[in-house]
Amino acid sequence: MNTLTPTPHRTRIKMCGFTREADVLAATALGVDAIGLNLYPPSPRSVSLERAAELARLMPAFMLPVLLFVNDTAERIEAACAAVPGAWLQFHGDESPEFCASMTQRTGRPHLKVARIPLPETAHFNLLEFAHQHHTAQALLLDAHVDGYGGSGKTFNWSHLPPNVNAHLVLSGGLTPANVGDGMRALRTHGLSLAVDVSSGIEAGKGLKDAAKMQQFVAAVRAADNAT
């Protein structure tokens, strides 16, 4: 009689802040699930709409481009969607639930909403209420609240998050190959599902990815998956 071996959980991986073709191809070779393209002009990782479209065309079938916006206009978001077919939207600023929902309705693209967790964590932030307000989001991306809207490499205290969030969660904020497994173990059961998102932790410089660090990050995620 055959017995079935349990299949390890496979955590979805998003890598963000790409600017170079070689880095996109390296992520593709590693089987990364999604690549974030930053369209926030003040960011050192920002790319133009035209450049985002060029990078997205390198992605194979079933790899998801994600377009990152910070307090942008509806017109520019719609233009970006036209330039990058199939991309999801990531709202990383102070966008209201109504605005996020309206952009998904207008573009037909699912969206992620960033929950900016205050530092220090003693500051008040009600993630359960935030999840309720942003119930139309496909997932909530958990990041440290810093100046410049992310990409700082800072973590927040994972133990301060509530254990019963009614949303799919994406852990971000200061993740590296050394700590991503700890973050996954801390938050694996806190939401409907858990994915991870990394930017600075796989870089040689802002917007310049390090292939070895990318490989180490993926290996660390898979090791944490296999340990569960």
C-alpha atoms as a PDB file:
ATOM      1  CA  MET A   1       0.000   0.000   0.000  1.00  0.00           C
ATOM      2  CA  ASN A   2       1.409   3.344  -1.044  1.00  0.00           C
ATOM      3  CA  THR A   3       1.630   6.200   1.408  1.00  0.00           C
ATOM      4  CA  LEU A   4       1.681   9.837   0.409  1.00  0.00           C
ATOM      5  CA  THR A   5       4.574  12.022   1.470  1.00  0.00           C
ATOM      6  CA  PRO A   6       3.321  15.438   2.597  1.00  0.00           C
ATOM      7  CA  THR A   7       4.287  18.188   0.176  1.00  0.00           C
ATOM      8  CA  PRO A   8       6.135  21.086   1.837  1.00  0.00           C
ATOM      9  CA  HIS A   9       4.404  24.440   1.728  1.00  0.00           C
ATOM     10  CA  ARG A  10       5.841  26.668  -1.011  1.00  0.00           C
ATOM     11  CA  THR A  11       6.009  30.278   0.082  1.00  0.00           C
ATOM     12  CA  ARG A  12       5.569  32.723  -2.779  1.00  0.00           C
ATOM     13  CA  ILE A  13       8.507  35.095  -3.291  1.00  0.00           C
ATOM     14  CA  LYS A  14       8.364  38.644  -4.619  1.00  0.00           C
ATOM     15  CA  MET A  15      11.568  40.557  -5.319  1.00  0.00           C
ATOM     16  CA  CYS A  16      11.249  44.305  -5.771  1.00  0.00           C
ATOM     17  CA  GLY A  17      13.125  47.289  -7.159  1.00  0.00           C
ATOM     18  CA  PHE A  18      14.534  45.919 -10.425  1.00  0.00           C
ATOM     19  CA  THR A  19      16.266  48.192 -12.928  1.00  0.00           C
ATOM     20  CA  ARG A  20      18.460  45.838 -15.000  1.00  0.00           C
ATOM     21  CA  GLU A  21      17.729  43.077 -17.498  1.00  0.00           C
ATOM     22  CA  ALA A  22      20.334  40.714 -16.053  1.00  0.00           C
ATOM     23  CA  ASP A  23      18.710  40.893 -12.625  1.00  0.00           C
ATOM     24  CA  VAL A  24      15.272  40.059 -14.020  1.00  0.00           C
ATOM     25  CA  LEU A  25      16.736  37.065 -15.833  1.00  0.00           C
ATOM     26  CA  ALA A  26      18.500  35.911 -12.664  1.00  0.00           C
ATOM     27  CA  ALA A  27      15.225  36.086 -10.726  1.00  0.00           C
ATOM     28  CA  THR A  28      13.514  34.159 -13.503  1.00  0.00           C
ATOM     29  CA  ALA A  29      16.130  31.409 -13.327  1.00  0.00           C
ATOM     30  CA  LEU A  30      15.511  31.109  -9.579  1.00  0.00           C
ATOM     31  CA  GLY A  31      11.773  30.621 -10.039  1.00  0.00           C
ATOM     32  CA  VAL A  32      10.758  33.848  -8.293  1.00  0.00           C
ATOM     33  CA  ASP A  33       6.988  34.357  -8.420  1.00  0.00           C
ATOM     34  CA  ALA A  34       6.748  38.146  -8.817  1.00  0.00           C
ATOM     35  CA  ILE A  35       8.991  41.096  -9.637  1.00  0.00           C
ATOM     36  CA  GLY A  36       8.276  44.594  -8.415  1.00  0.00           C
ATOM     37  CA  LEU A  37       8.915  47.591 -10.660  1.00  0.00           C
ATOM     38  CA  ASN A  38       9.114  50.882  -8.786  1.00  0.00           C
ATOM     39  CA  LEU A  39       7.304  53.793 -10.448  1.00  0.00           C
ATOM     40  CA  TYR A  40       7.807  56.280  -7.586  1.00  0.00           C
ATOM     41  CA  PRO A  41      10.119  58.920  -9.123  1.00  0.00           C
ATOM     42  CA  PRO A  42      11.903  60.011  -5.891  1.00  0.00           C
ATOM     43  CA  SER A  43      13.062  56.447  -5.226  1.00  0.00           C
ATOM     44  CA  PRO A  44      16.597  55.476  -6.310  1.00  0.00           C
ATOM     45  CA  ARG A  45      15.051  52.250  -7.616  1.00  0.00           C
ATOM     46  CA  SER A  46      12.517  54.045  -9.789  1.00  0.00           C
ATOM     47  CA  VAL A  47      12.133  53.268 -13.491  1.00  0.00           C
ATOM     48  CA  SER A  48      10.120  54.986 -16.201  1.00  0.00           C
ATOM     49  CA  LEU A  49       6.940  53.476 -17.613  1.00  0.00           C
ATOM     50  CA  GLU A  50       8.838  52.614 -20.774  1.00  0.00           C
ATOM     51  CA  ARG A  51      11.617  50.912 -18.819  1.00  0.00           C
ATOM     52  CA  ALA A  52       9.107  48.990 -16.713  1.00  0.00           C
ATOM     53  CA  ALA A  53       7.509  47.683 -19.901  1.00  0.00           C
ATOM     54  CA  GLU A  54      10.910  46.586 -21.258  1.00  0.00           C
ATOM     55  CA  LEU A  55      11.759  44.694 -18.072  1.00  0.00           C
ATOM     56  CA  ALA A  56       8.303  43.109 -17.856  1.00  0.00           C
ATOM     57  CA  ARG A  57       8.656  41.722 -21.381  1.00  0.00           C
ATOM     58  CA  LEU A  58      11.582  39.598 -20.138  1.00  0.00           C
ATOM     59  CA  MET A  59       9.346  37.765 -17.685  1.00  0.00           C
ATOM     60  CA  PRO A  60       8.076  34.320 -18.702  1.00  0.00           C
ATOM     61  CA  ALA A  61       4.496  33.121 -18.518  1.00  0.00           C
ATOM     62  CA  PHE A  62       3.095  32.927 -14.981  1.00  0.00           C
ATOM     63  CA  MET A  63       5.704  35.304 -13.530  1.00  0.00           C
ATOM     64  CA  LEU A  64       3.879  38.350 -12.208  1.00  0.00           C
ATOM     65  CA  PRO A  65       5.000  41.959 -12.718  1.00  0.00           C
ATOM     66  CA  VAL A  66       3.918  44.254  -9.880  1.00  0.00           C
ATOM     67  CA  LEU A  67       3.877  48.033 -10.374  1.00  0.00           C
ATOM     68  CA  LEU A  68       4.656  50.070  -7.258  1.00  0.00           C
ATOM     69  CA  PHE A  69       2.988  53.471  -6.803  1.00  0.00           C
ATOM     70  CA  VAL A  70       3.130  56.074  -4.033  1.00  0.00           C
ATOM     71  CA  ASN A  71       0.254  58.562  -3.909  1.00  0.00           C
ATOM     72  CA  ASP A  72       0.074  58.638  -7.709  1.00  0.00           C
ATOM     73  CA  THR A  73      -2.665  59.848 -10.013  1.00  0.00           C
ATOM     74  CA  ALA A  74      -5.330  57.650 -11.517  1.00  0.00           C
ATOM     75  CA  GLU A  75      -4.246  58.739 -14.984  1.00  0.00           C
ATOM     76  CA  ARG A  76      -0.629  57.628 -14.501  1.00  0.00           C
ATOM     77  CA  ILE A  77      -1.706  54.327 -12.967  1.00  0.00           C
ATOM     78  CA  GLU A  78      -3.943  53.640 -15.957  1.00  0.00           C
ATOM     79  CA  ALA A  79      -1.092  54.544 -18.326  1.00  0.00           C
ATOM     80  CA  ALA A  80       1.207  52.128 -16.501  1.00  0.00           C
ATOM     81  CA  CYS A  81      -1.353  49.345 -16.795  1.00  0.00           C
ATOM     82  CA  ALA A  82      -1.578  49.972 -20.524  1.00  0.00           C
ATOM     83  CA  ALA A  83       2.219  49.808 -20.801  1.00  0.00           C
ATOM     84  CA  VAL A  84       2.604  46.610 -18.721  1.00  0.00           C
ATOM     85  CA  PRO A  85      -0.186  44.128 -19.551  1.00  0.00           C
ATOM     86  CA  GLY A  86      -1.114  41.761 -16.749  1.00  0.00           C
ATOM     87  CA  ALA A  87       0.674  43.653 -13.994  1.00  0.00           C
ATOM     88  CA  TRP A  88      -0.735  43.921 -10.498  1.00  0.00           C
ATOM     89  CA  LEU A  89      -0.775  47.200  -8.589  1.00  0.00           C
ATOM     90  CA  GLN A  90       1.012  47.893  -5.298  1.00  0.00           C
ATOM     91  CA  PHE A  91      -0.034  50.991  -3.369  1.00  0.00           C
ATOM     92  CA  HIS A  92       2.764  51.979  -1.026  1.00  0.00           C
ATOM     93  CA  GLY A  93       1.649  55.431   0.096  1.00  0.00           C
ATOM     94  CA  ASP A  94      -1.318  56.995   1.859  1.00  0.00           C
ATOM     95  CA  GLU A  95      -3.920  55.855  -0.658  1.00  0.00           C
ATOM     96  CA  SER A  96      -7.405  55.472   0.768  1.00  0.00           C
ATOM     97  CA  PRO A  97      -9.323  52.192   0.616  1.00  0.00           C
ATOM     98  CA  GLU A  98     -11.755  53.843  -1.787  1.00  0.00           C
ATOM     99  CA  PHE A  99      -8.987  54.953  -4.159  1.00  0.00           C
ATOM    100  CA  CYS A 100      -7.348  51.515  -4.194  1.00  0.00           C
ATOM    101  CA  ALA A 101     -10.659  49.789  -4.846  1.00  0.00           C
ATOM    102  CA  SER A 102     -11.542  52.254  -7.603  1.00  0.00           C
ATOM    103  CA  MET A 103      -8.234  51.630  -9.388  1.00  0.00           C
ATOM    104  CA  THR A 104      -8.774  47.881  -9.337  1.00  0.00           C
ATOM    105  CA  GLN A 105     -12.250  48.446 -10.741  1.00  0.00           C
ATOM    106  CA  ARG A 106     -11.053  50.870 -13.434  1.00  0.00           C
ATOM    107  CA  THR A 107      -8.036  48.823 -14.555  1.00  0.00           C
ATOM    108  CA  GLY A 108      -9.202  45.295 -13.832  1.00  0.00           C
ATOM    109  CA  ARG A 109      -5.914  44.665 -11.978  1.00  0.00           C
ATOM    110  CA  PRO A 110      -5.730  43.235  -8.442  1.00  0.00           C
ATOM    111  CA  HIS A 111      -3.879  45.365  -5.922  1.00  0.00           C
ATOM    112  CA  LEU A 112      -1.663  44.995  -2.890  1.00  0.00           C
ATOM    113  CA  LYS A 113      -1.853  47.609  -0.131  1.00  0.00           C
ATOM    114  CA  VAL A 114       1.123  48.299   2.074  1.00  0.00           C
ATOM    115  CA  ALA A 115       0.529  48.397   5.814  1.00  0.00           C
ATOM    116  CA  ARG A 116       3.300  50.607   7.162  1.00  0.00           C
ATOM    117  CA  ILE A 117       4.050  49.306  10.668  1.00  0.00           C
ATOM    118  CA  PRO A 118       5.277  52.136  12.929  1.00  0.00           C
ATOM    119  CA  LEU A 119       8.776  52.189  14.409  1.00  0.00           C
ATOM    120  CA  PRO A 120       8.969  51.847  17.336  1.00  0.00           C
ATOM    121  CA  GLU A 121       6.064  49.425  17.482  1.00  0.00           C
ATOM    122  CA  THR A 122       4.736  51.068  20.641  1.00  0.00           C
ATOM    123  CA  ALA A 123       3.078  53.585  18.318  1.00  0.00           C
ATOM    124  CA  HIS A 124      -0.560  52.727  17.651  1.00  0.00           C
ATOM    125  CA  PHE A 125      -1.395  50.769  14.505  1.00  0.00           C
ATOM    126  CA  ASN A 126      -4.470  48.586  14.286  1.00  0.00           C
ATOM    127  CA  LEU A 127      -3.716  45.984  11.611  1.00  0.00           C
ATOM    128  CA  LEU A 128      -7.082  44.272  12.080  1.00  0.00           C
ATOM    129  CA  GLU A 129      -8.932  47.511  11.362  1.00  0.00           C
ATOM    130  CA  PHE A 130      -6.575  48.269   8.465  1.00  0.00           C
ATOM    131  CA  ALA A 131      -7.343  44.851   6.964  1.00  0.00           C
ATOM    132  CA  HIS A 132     -11.070  45.503   7.345  1.00  0.00           C
ATOM    133  CA  GLN A 133     -10.783  48.893   5.640  1.00  0.00           C
ATOM    134  CA  HIS A 134      -8.716  47.474   2.777  1.00  0.00           C
ATOM    135  CA  HIS A 135     -10.777  44.320   2.296  1.00  0.00           C
ATOM    136  CA  THR A 136     -10.664  44.687  -1.508  1.00  0.00           C
ATOM    137  CA  ALA A 137      -6.868  44.266  -1.539  1.00  0.00           C
ATOM    138  CA  GLN A 138      -5.582  40.930  -2.788  1.00  0.00           C
ATOM    139  CA  ALA A 139      -3.050  41.025   0.052  1.00  0.00           C
ATOM    140  CA  LEU A 140      -1.532  43.348   2.630  1.00  0.00           C
ATOM    141  CA  LEU A 141       2.212  43.930   2.392  1.00  0.00           C
ATOM    142  CA  LEU A 142       3.708  44.473   5.846  1.00  0.00           C
ATOM    143  CA  ASP A 143       6.590  46.952   5.842  1.00  0.00           C
ATOM    144  CA  ALA A 144       8.328  49.195   8.359  1.00  0.00           C
ATOM    145  CA  HIS A 145       7.064  52.786   8.455  1.00  0.00           C
ATOM    146  CA  VAL A 146      10.084  54.836   7.379  1.00  0.00           C
ATOM    147  CA  ASP A 147      10.751  58.030   5.501  1.00  0.00           C
ATOM    148  CA  GLY A 148      10.861  57.465   1.778  1.00  0.00           C
ATOM    149  CA  TYR A 149       8.141  54.791   1.649  1.00  0.00           C
ATOM    150  CA  GLY A 150      10.132  51.602   2.085  1.00  0.00           C
ATOM    151  CA  GLY A 151      13.366  50.121   0.819  1.00  0.00           C
ATOM    152  CA  SER A 152      15.265  51.153   3.945  1.00  0.00           C
ATOM    153  CA  GLY A 153      16.284  47.672   5.049  1.00  0.00           C
ATOM    154  CA  LYS A 154      14.627  48.113   8.441  1.00  0.00           C
ATOM    155  CA  THR A 155      12.579  45.407  10.137  1.00  0.00           C
ATOM    156  CA  PHE A 156       9.716  45.794  12.576  1.00  0.00           C
ATOM    157  CA  ASN A 157       8.958  43.593  15.574  1.00  0.00           C
ATOM    158  CA  TRP A 158       7.030  40.671  14.102  1.00  0.00           C
ATOM    159  CA  SER A 159       5.842  39.508  17.531  1.00  0.00           C
ATOM    160  CA  HIS A 160       3.690  42.632  17.913  1.00  0.00           C
ATOM    161  CA  LEU A 161       1.355  41.711  15.051  1.00  0.00           C
ATOM    162  CA  PRO A 162      -2.057  40.209  15.868  1.00  0.00           C
ATOM    163  CA  PRO A 163      -2.375  36.466  15.194  1.00  0.00           C
ATOM    164  CA  ASN A 164      -5.734  36.532  13.395  1.00  0.00           C
ATOM    165  CA  VAL A 165      -5.577  38.920  10.425  1.00  0.00           C
ATOM    166  CA  ASN A 166      -8.356  38.299   7.894  1.00  0.00           C
ATOM    167  CA  ALA A 167      -6.136  38.906   4.865  1.00  0.00           C
ATOM    168  CA  HIS A 168      -3.394  37.338   2.806  1.00  0.00           C
ATOM    169  CA  LEU A 169      -0.097  38.745   4.099  1.00  0.00           C
ATOM    170  CA  VAL A 170       3.206  39.565   2.413  1.00  0.00           C
ATOM    171  CA  LEU A 171       6.096  40.028   4.841  1.00  0.00           C
ATOM    172  CA  SER A 172       8.525  42.766   3.828  1.00  0.00           C
ATOM    173  CA  GLY A 173      10.847  45.241   5.519  1.00  0.00           C
ATOM    174  CA  GLY A 174      14.514  44.430   6.055  1.00  0.00           C
ATOM    175  CA  LEU A 175      14.354  40.799   4.985  1.00  0.00           C
ATOM    176  CA  THR A 176      17.652  39.072   4.186  1.00  0.00           C
ATOM    177  CA  PRO A 177      18.772  35.480   3.632  1.00  0.00           C
ATOM    178  CA  ALA A 178      19.741  35.442   7.322  1.00  0.00           C
ATOM    179  CA  ASN A 179      16.378  36.468   8.812  1.00  0.00           C
ATOM    180  CA  VAL A 180      13.655  35.531   6.318  1.00  0.00           C
ATOM    181  CA  GLY A 181      13.199  32.083   7.854  1.00  0.00           C
ATOM    182  CA  ASP A 182      12.642  33.616  11.295  1.00  0.00           C
ATOM    183  CA  GLY A 183      10.048  35.993   9.858  1.00  0.00           C
ATOM    184  CA  MET A 184       8.225  33.169   8.119  1.00  0.00           C
ATOM    185  CA  ARG A 185       8.105  31.080  11.284  1.00  0.00           C
ATOM    186  CA  ALA A 186       6.866  34.067  13.288  1.00  0.00           C
ATOM    187  CA  LEU A 187       4.010  34.970  10.950  1.00  0.00           C
ATOM    188  CA  ARG A 188       3.168  31.798   9.022  1.00  0.00           C
ATOM    189  CA  THR A 189      -0.261  31.397  10.640  1.00  0.00           C
ATOM    190  CA  HIS A 190      -1.137  35.053  11.323  1.00  0.00           C
ATOM    191  CA  GLY A 191      -3.138  35.598   8.116  1.00  0.00           C
ATOM    192  CA  LEU A 192      -4.905  33.645   5.403  1.00  0.00           C
ATOM    193  CA  SER A 193      -1.513  32.963   3.780  1.00  0.00           C
ATOM    194  CA  LEU A 194       2.035  34.327   3.914  1.00  0.00           C
ATOM    195  CA  ALA A 195       4.364  35.402   1.110  1.00  0.00           C
ATOM    196  CA  VAL A 196       7.653  37.306   1.343  1.00  0.00           C
ATOM    197  CA  ASP A 197       8.991  40.397  -0.427  1.00  0.00           C
ATOM    198  CA  VAL A 198      12.626  41.526  -0.545  1.00  0.00           C
ATOM    199  CA  SER A 199      14.477  44.478  -2.039  1.00  0.00           C
ATOM    200  CA  SER A 200      17.509  45.860  -0.191  1.00  0.00           C
ATOM    201  CA  GLY A 201      18.396  42.448   1.262  1.00  0.00           C
ATOM    202  CA  ILE A 202      19.421  41.132  -2.178  1.00  0.00           C
ATOM    203  CA  GLU A 203      21.266  44.197  -3.450  1.00  0.00           C
ATOM    204  CA  ALA A 204      24.825  45.211  -4.226  1.00  0.00           C
ATOM    205  CA  GLY A 205      23.545  48.797  -4.435  1.00  0.00           C
ATOM    206  CA  LYS A 206      20.154  50.501  -4.660  1.00  0.00           C
ATOM    207  CA  GLY A 207      18.369  48.979  -7.632  1.00  0.00           C
ATOM    208  CA  LEU A 208      21.346  46.734  -8.437  1.00  0.00           C
ATOM    209  CA  LYS A 209      20.659  43.141  -7.462  1.00  0.00           C
ATOM    210  CA  ASP A 210      23.300  40.650  -6.345  1.00  0.00           C
ATOM    211  CA  ALA A 211      22.786  37.250  -7.981  1.00  0.00           C
ATOM    212  CA  ALA A 212      24.426  35.362  -5.110  1.00  0.00           C
ATOM    213  CA  LYS A 213      22.245  37.091  -2.502  1.00  0.00           C
ATOM    214  CA  MET A 214      19.165  36.385  -4.594  1.00  0.00           C
ATOM    215  CA  GLN A 215      20.039  32.698  -4.703  1.00  0.00           C
ATOM    216  CA  GLN A 216      20.739  32.658  -0.955  1.00  0.00           C
ATOM    217  CA  PHE A 217      17.388  34.319  -0.244  1.00  0.00           C
ATOM    218  CA  VAL A 218      15.442  31.776  -2.279  1.00  0.00           C
ATOM    219  CA  ALA A 219      17.358  28.928  -0.644  1.00  0.00           C
ATOM    220  CA  ALA A 220      16.557  30.311   2.818  1.00  0.00           C
ATOM    221  CA  VAL A 221      12.849  30.526   1.998  1.00  0.00           C
ATOM    222  CA  ARG A 222      12.782  26.981   0.695  1.00  0.00           C
ATOM    223  CA  ALA A 223      14.687  25.720   3.741  1.00  0.00           C
ATOM    224  CA  ALA A 224      12.080  27.327   6.005  1.00  0.00           C
ATOM    225  CA  ASP A 225       9.322  25.761   3.900  1.00  0.00           C
ATOM    226  CA  ASN A 226      10.855  22.306   4.197  1.00  0.00           C
ATOM    227  CA  ALA A 227      11.234  22.683   7.956  1.00  0.00           C
ATOM    228  CA  THR A 228       7.495  23.160   8.477  1.00  0.00           C
END
